[in-house]
PDB file of N, CA and C in Angstrom:
ATOM      1  N   MET A   1      -9.095  -1.978  -8.630  1.00  0.00           N
ATOM      2  CA  MET A   1     -10.010  -1.574  -7.597  1.00  0.00           C
ATOM      3  C   MET A   1     -10.260  -2.777  -6.683  1.00  0.00           C
ATOM      4  N   ILE A   2     -10.201  -2.556  -5.405  1.00  0.00           N
ATOM      5  CA  ILE A   2     -10.385  -3.629  -4.428  1.00  0.00           C
ATOM      6  C   ILE A   2     -11.835  -3.664  -3.986  1.00  0.00           C
ATOM      7  N   LYS A   3     -12.410  -4.855  -4.061  1.00  0.00           N
ATOM      8  CA  LYS A   3     -13.793  -5.048  -3.616  1.00  0.00           C
ATOM      9  C   LYS A   3     -13.818  -6.173  -2.599  1.00  0.00           C
ATOM     10  N   VAL A   4     -14.630  -5.997  -1.569  1.00  0.00           N
ATOM     11  CA  VAL A   4     -14.785  -7.018  -0.539  1.00  0.00           C
ATOM     12  C   VAL A   4     -16.269  -7.325  -0.405  1.00  0.00           C
ATOM     13  N   LYS A   5     -16.615  -8.583  -0.605  1.00  0.00           N
ATOM     14  CA  LYS A   5     -18.009  -9.001  -0.443  1.00  0.00           C
ATOM     15  C   LYS A   5     -18.132  -9.758   0.871  1.00  0.00           C
ATOM     16  N   ALA A   6     -19.256  -9.574   1.514  1.00  0.00           N
ATOM     17  CA  ALA A   6     -19.491 -10.223   2.799  1.00  0.00           C
ATOM     18  C   ALA A   6     -19.643 -11.728   2.606  1.00  0.00           C
ATOM     19  N   ARG A   7     -18.976 -12.467   3.448  1.00  0.00           N
ATOM     20  CA  ARG A   7     -19.128 -13.917   3.461  1.00  0.00           C
ATOM     21  C   ARG A   7     -20.232 -14.260   4.455  1.00  0.00           C
ATOM     22  N   GLY A   8     -20.735 -15.443   4.393  1.00  0.00           N
ATOM     23  CA  GLY A   8     -21.815 -15.848   5.285  1.00  0.00           C
ATOM     24  C   GLY A   8     -21.438 -15.731   6.748  1.00  0.00           C
ATOM     25  N   GLY A   9     -22.183 -14.931   7.499  1.00  0.00           N
ATOM     26  CA  GLY A   9     -21.946 -14.775   8.933  1.00  0.00           C
ATOM     27  C   GLY A   9     -20.718 -13.959   9.294  1.00  0.00           C
ATOM     28  N   GLU A  10     -20.184 -13.199   8.359  1.00  0.00           N
ATOM     29  CA  GLU A  10     -18.975 -12.403   8.616  1.00  0.00           C
ATOM     30  C   GLU A  10     -19.359 -11.024   9.155  1.00  0.00           C
ATOM     31  N   SER A  11     -18.652 -10.596  10.188  1.00  0.00           N
ATOM     32  CA  SER A  11     -18.937  -9.292  10.779  1.00  0.00           C
ATOM     33  C   SER A  11     -18.238  -8.178   9.987  1.00  0.00           C
ATOM     34  N   ILE A  12     -18.621  -6.958  10.284  1.00  0.00           N
ATOM     35  CA  ILE A  12     -18.026  -5.783   9.635  1.00  0.00           C
ATOM     36  C   ILE A  12     -16.535  -5.701   9.963  1.00  0.00           C
ATOM     37  N   GLN A  13     -16.168  -6.012  11.200  1.00  0.00           N
ATOM     38  CA  GLN A  13     -14.760  -5.954  11.600  1.00  0.00           C
ATOM     39  C   GLN A  13     -13.920  -6.950  10.800  1.00  0.00           C
ATOM     40  N   GLN A  14     -14.456  -8.128  10.568  1.00  0.00           N
ATOM     41  CA  GLN A  14     -13.723  -9.125   9.785  1.00  0.00           C
ATOM     42  C   GLN A  14     -13.560  -8.676   8.331  1.00  0.00           C
ATOM     43  N   MET A  15     -14.612  -8.052   7.806  1.00  0.00           N
ATOM     44  CA  MET A  15     -14.525  -7.537   6.439  1.00  0.00           C
ATOM     45  C   MET A  15     -13.475  -6.434   6.342  1.00  0.00           C
ATOM     46  N   MET A  16     -13.440  -5.551   7.318  1.00  0.00           N
ATOM     47  CA  MET A  16     -12.448  -4.470   7.325  1.00  0.00           C
ATOM     48  C   MET A  16     -11.038  -5.039   7.402  1.00  0.00           C
ATOM     49  N   LYS A  17     -10.856  -6.063   8.200  1.00  0.00           N
ATOM     50  CA  LYS A  17      -9.549  -6.694   8.345  1.00  0.00           C
ATOM     51  C   LYS A  17      -9.098  -7.291   7.007  1.00  0.00           C
ATOM     52  N   ARG A  18     -10.010  -7.963   6.302  1.00  0.00           N
ATOM     53  CA  ARG A  18      -9.693  -8.517   4.984  1.00  0.00           C
ATOM     54  C   ARG A  18      -9.370  -7.406   3.995  1.00  0.00           C
ATOM     55  N   PHE A  19     -10.141  -6.305   4.040  1.00  0.00           N
ATOM     56  CA  PHE A  19      -9.901  -5.180   3.152  1.00  0.00           C
ATOM     57  C   PHE A  19      -8.521  -4.576   3.384  1.00  0.00           C
ATOM     58  N   LYS A  20      -8.154  -4.381   4.640  1.00  0.00           N
ATOM     59  CA  LYS A  20      -6.839  -3.808   4.956  1.00  0.00           C
ATOM     60  C   LYS A  20      -5.715  -4.716   4.469  1.00  0.00           C
ATOM     61  N   LYS A  21      -5.879  -6.034   4.643  1.00  0.00           N
ATOM     62  CA  LYS A  21      -4.860  -6.978   4.183  1.00  0.00           C
ATOM     63  C   LYS A  21      -4.710  -6.912   2.670  1.00  0.00           C
ATOM     64  N   MET A  22      -5.838  -6.807   1.977  1.00  0.00           N
ATOM     65  CA  MET A  22      -5.790  -6.718   0.519  1.00  0.00           C
ATOM     66  C   MET A  22      -5.091  -5.437   0.075  1.00  0.00           C
ATOM     67  N   CYS A  23      -5.344  -4.335   0.783  1.00  0.00           N
ATOM     68  CA  CYS A  23      -4.683  -3.066   0.468  1.00  0.00           C
ATOM     69  C   CYS A  23      -3.180  -3.167   0.678  1.00  0.00           C
ATOM     70  N   GLU A  24      -2.768  -3.796   1.759  1.00  0.00           N
ATOM     71  CA  GLU A  24      -1.340  -3.968   2.022  1.00  0.00           C
ATOM     72  C   GLU A  24      -0.704  -4.843   0.951  1.00  0.00           C
ATOM     73  N   LYS A  25      -1.385  -5.896   0.564  1.00  0.00           N
ATOM     74  CA  LYS A  25      -0.871  -6.814  -0.437  1.00  0.00           C
ATOM     75  C   LYS A  25      -0.678  -6.115  -1.781  1.00  0.00           C
ATOM     76  N   GLU A  26      -1.585  -5.225  -2.130  1.00  0.00           N
ATOM     77  CA  GLU A  26      -1.503  -4.482  -3.384  1.00  0.00           C
ATOM     78  C   GLU A  26      -0.488  -3.338  -3.318  1.00  0.00           C
ATOM     79  N   GLY A  27      -0.043  -2.967  -2.126  1.00  0.00           N
ATOM     80  CA  GLY A  27       0.929  -1.890  -1.973  1.00  0.00           C
ATOM     81  C   GLY A  27       0.305  -0.509  -1.926  1.00  0.00           C
ATOM     82  N   LEU A  28      -0.991  -0.430  -1.727  1.00  0.00           N
ATOM     83  CA  LEU A  28      -1.671   0.869  -1.712  1.00  0.00           C
ATOM     84  C   LEU A  28      -1.249   1.714  -0.519  1.00  0.00           C
ATOM     85  N   ILE A  29      -1.085   1.098   0.622  1.00  0.00           N
ATOM     86  CA  ILE A  29      -0.748   1.846   1.839  1.00  0.00           C
ATOM     87  C   ILE A  29       0.631   2.476   1.701  1.00  0.00           C
ATOM     88  N   LYS A  30       1.589   1.737   1.134  1.00  0.00           N
ATOM     89  CA  LYS A  30       2.932   2.295   0.931  1.00  0.00           C
ATOM     90  C   LYS A  30       2.888   3.482  -0.018  1.00  0.00           C
ATOM     91  N   ASP A  31       2.114   3.352  -1.094  1.00  0.00           N
ATOM     92  CA  ASP A  31       2.000   4.449  -2.063  1.00  0.00           C
ATOM     93  C   ASP A  31       1.399   5.688  -1.417  1.00  0.00           C
ATOM     94  N   ILE A  32       0.362   5.507  -0.638  1.00  0.00           N
ATOM     95  CA  ILE A  32      -0.303   6.644   0.003  1.00  0.00           C
ATOM     96  C   ILE A  32       0.650   7.335   0.967  1.00  0.00           C
ATOM     97  N   LYS A  33       1.373   6.570   1.767  1.00  0.00           N
ATOM     98  CA  LYS A  33       2.313   7.158   2.722  1.00  0.00           C
ATOM     99  C   LYS A  33       3.439   7.874   1.995  1.00  0.00           C
ATOM    100  N   ARG A  34       3.924   7.290   0.908  1.00  0.00           N
ATOM    101  CA  ARG A  34       5.031   7.895   0.169  1.00  0.00           C
ATOM    102  C   ARG A  34       4.583   9.182  -0.517  1.00  0.00           C
ATOM    103  N   GLN A  35       3.352   9.248  -0.996  1.00  0.00           N
ATOM    104  CA  GLN A  35       2.866  10.421  -1.705  1.00  0.00           C
ATOM    105  C   GLN A  35       2.271  11.472  -0.776  1.00  0.00           C
ATOM    106  N   SER A  36       2.268  11.221   0.525  1.00  0.00           N
ATOM    107  CA  SER A  36       1.677  12.180   1.449  1.00  0.00           C
ATOM    108  C   SER A  36       2.579  13.394   1.684  1.00  0.00           C
ATOM    109  N   TYR A  37       3.820  13.329   1.233  1.00  0.00           N
ATOM    110  CA  TYR A  37       4.725  14.466   1.356  1.00  0.00           C
ATOM    111  C   TYR A  37       5.533  14.601   0.071  1.00  0.00           C
ATOM    112  N   TYR A  38       6.077  15.777  -0.175  1.00  0.00           N
ATOM    113  CA  TYR A  38       6.845  16.028  -1.391  1.00  0.00           C
ATOM    114  C   TYR A  38       8.219  15.377  -1.283  1.00  0.00           C
ATOM    115  N   GLU A  39       8.605  14.732  -2.344  1.00  0.00           N
ATOM    116  CA  GLU A  39       9.924  14.124  -2.410  1.00  0.00           C
ATOM    117  C   GLU A  39      10.660  14.726  -3.605  1.00  0.00           C
ATOM    118  N   LYS A  40      11.834  15.266  -3.349  1.00  0.00           N
ATOM    119  CA  LYS A  40      12.606  15.883  -4.413  1.00  0.00           C
ATOM    120  C   LYS A  40      13.003  14.828  -5.448  1.00  0.00           C
ATOM    121  N   PRO A  41      13.107  15.244  -6.711  1.00  0.00           N
ATOM    122  CA  PRO A  41      13.488  14.286  -7.761  1.00  0.00           C
ATOM    123  C   PRO A  41      14.808  13.567  -7.470  1.00  0.00           C
ATOM    124  N   SER A  42      15.769  14.279  -6.883  1.00  0.00           N
ATOM    125  CA  SER A  42      17.043  13.639  -6.572  1.00  0.00           C
ATOM    126  C   SER A  42      16.870  12.561  -5.506  1.00  0.00           C
ATOM    127  N   GLU A  43      15.954  12.776  -4.563  1.00  0.00           N
ATOM    128  CA  GLU A  43      15.696  11.764  -3.532  1.00  0.00           C
ATOM    129  C   GLU A  43      14.998  10.551  -4.133  1.00  0.00           C
ATOM    130  N   LYS A  44      14.116  10.788  -5.113  1.00  0.00           N
ATOM    131  CA  LYS A  44      13.457   9.672  -5.801  1.00  0.00           C
ATOM    132  C   LYS A  44      14.494   8.797  -6.498  1.00  0.00           C
ATOM    133  N   LYS A  45      15.441   9.458  -7.206  1.00  0.00           N
ATOM    134  CA  LYS A  45      16.506   8.725  -7.900  1.00  0.00           C
ATOM    135  C   LYS A  45      17.323   7.907  -6.915  1.00  0.00           C
ATOM    136  N   ARG A  46      17.681   8.535  -5.807  1.00  0.00           N
ATOM    137  CA  ARG A  46      18.502   7.866  -4.806  1.00  0.00           C
ATOM    138  C   ARG A  46      17.781   6.642  -4.237  1.00  0.00           C
ATOM    139  N   ARG A  47      16.477   6.796  -3.958  1.00  0.00           N
ATOM    140  CA  ARG A  47      15.691   5.688  -3.409  1.00  0.00           C
ATOM    141  C   ARG A  47      15.601   4.543  -4.414  1.00  0.00           C
ATOM    142  N   ARG A  48      15.338   4.881  -5.676  1.00  0.00           N
ATOM    143  CA  ARG A  48      15.260   3.846  -6.706  1.00  0.00           C
ATOM    144  C   ARG A  48      16.593   3.130  -6.872  1.00  0.00           C
ATOM    145  N   GLY A  49      17.687   3.902  -6.814  1.00  0.00           N
ATOM    146  CA  GLY A  49      19.020   3.311  -6.917  1.00  0.00           C
ATOM    147  C   GLY A  49      19.320   2.358  -5.784  1.00  0.00           C
ATOM    148  N   ARG A  50      18.964   2.766  -4.569  1.00  0.00           N
ATOM    149  CA  ARG A  50      19.177   1.883  -3.419  1.00  0.00           C
ATOM    150  C   ARG A  50      18.364   0.618  -3.541  1.00  0.00           C
ATOM    151  N   LYS A  51      17.144   0.768  -4.040  1.00  0.00           N
ATOM    152  CA  LYS A  51      16.258  -0.379  -4.170  1.00  0.00           C
ATOM    153  C   LYS A  51      16.797  -1.381  -5.196  1.00  0.00           C
ATOM    154  N   SER A  52      17.391  -0.870  -6.282  1.00  0.00           N
ATOM    155  CA  SER A  52      17.912  -1.747  -7.328  1.00  0.00           C
ATOM    156  C   SER A  52      19.314  -2.264  -7.000  1.00  0.00           C
ATOM    157  N   GLY A  53      19.940  -1.687  -5.978  1.00  0.00           N
ATOM    158  CA  GLY A  53      21.263  -2.158  -5.565  1.00  0.00           C
ATOM    159  C   GLY A  53      22.423  -1.419  -6.189  1.00  0.00           C
ATOM    160  N   LEU A  54      22.171  -0.273  -6.801  1.00  0.00           N
ATOM    161  CA  LEU A  54      23.246   0.486  -7.418  1.00  0.00           C
ATOM    162  C   LEU A  54      24.057   1.279  -6.408  1.00  0.00           C
ATOM    163  N   PHE A  55      23.441   1.731  -5.320  1.00  0.00           N
ATOM    164  CA  PHE A  55      24.140   2.569  -4.338  1.00  0.00           C
ATOM    165  C   PHE A  55      24.426   1.800  -3.091  1.00  0.00           C
TER     166      PHE A  55
END
């Protein structure tokens, strides 16, 4: 779980920017985008294979 605490004199916009960076670093945004649509099991296999260098 990602938590962001306000630093001294930090604005809301700066806190949001830090939060977004932390989400990107953890890979949450990629997961959300990937799970926003259905992916067939064969496409999952193909993607994993490409990622590992098999295809």
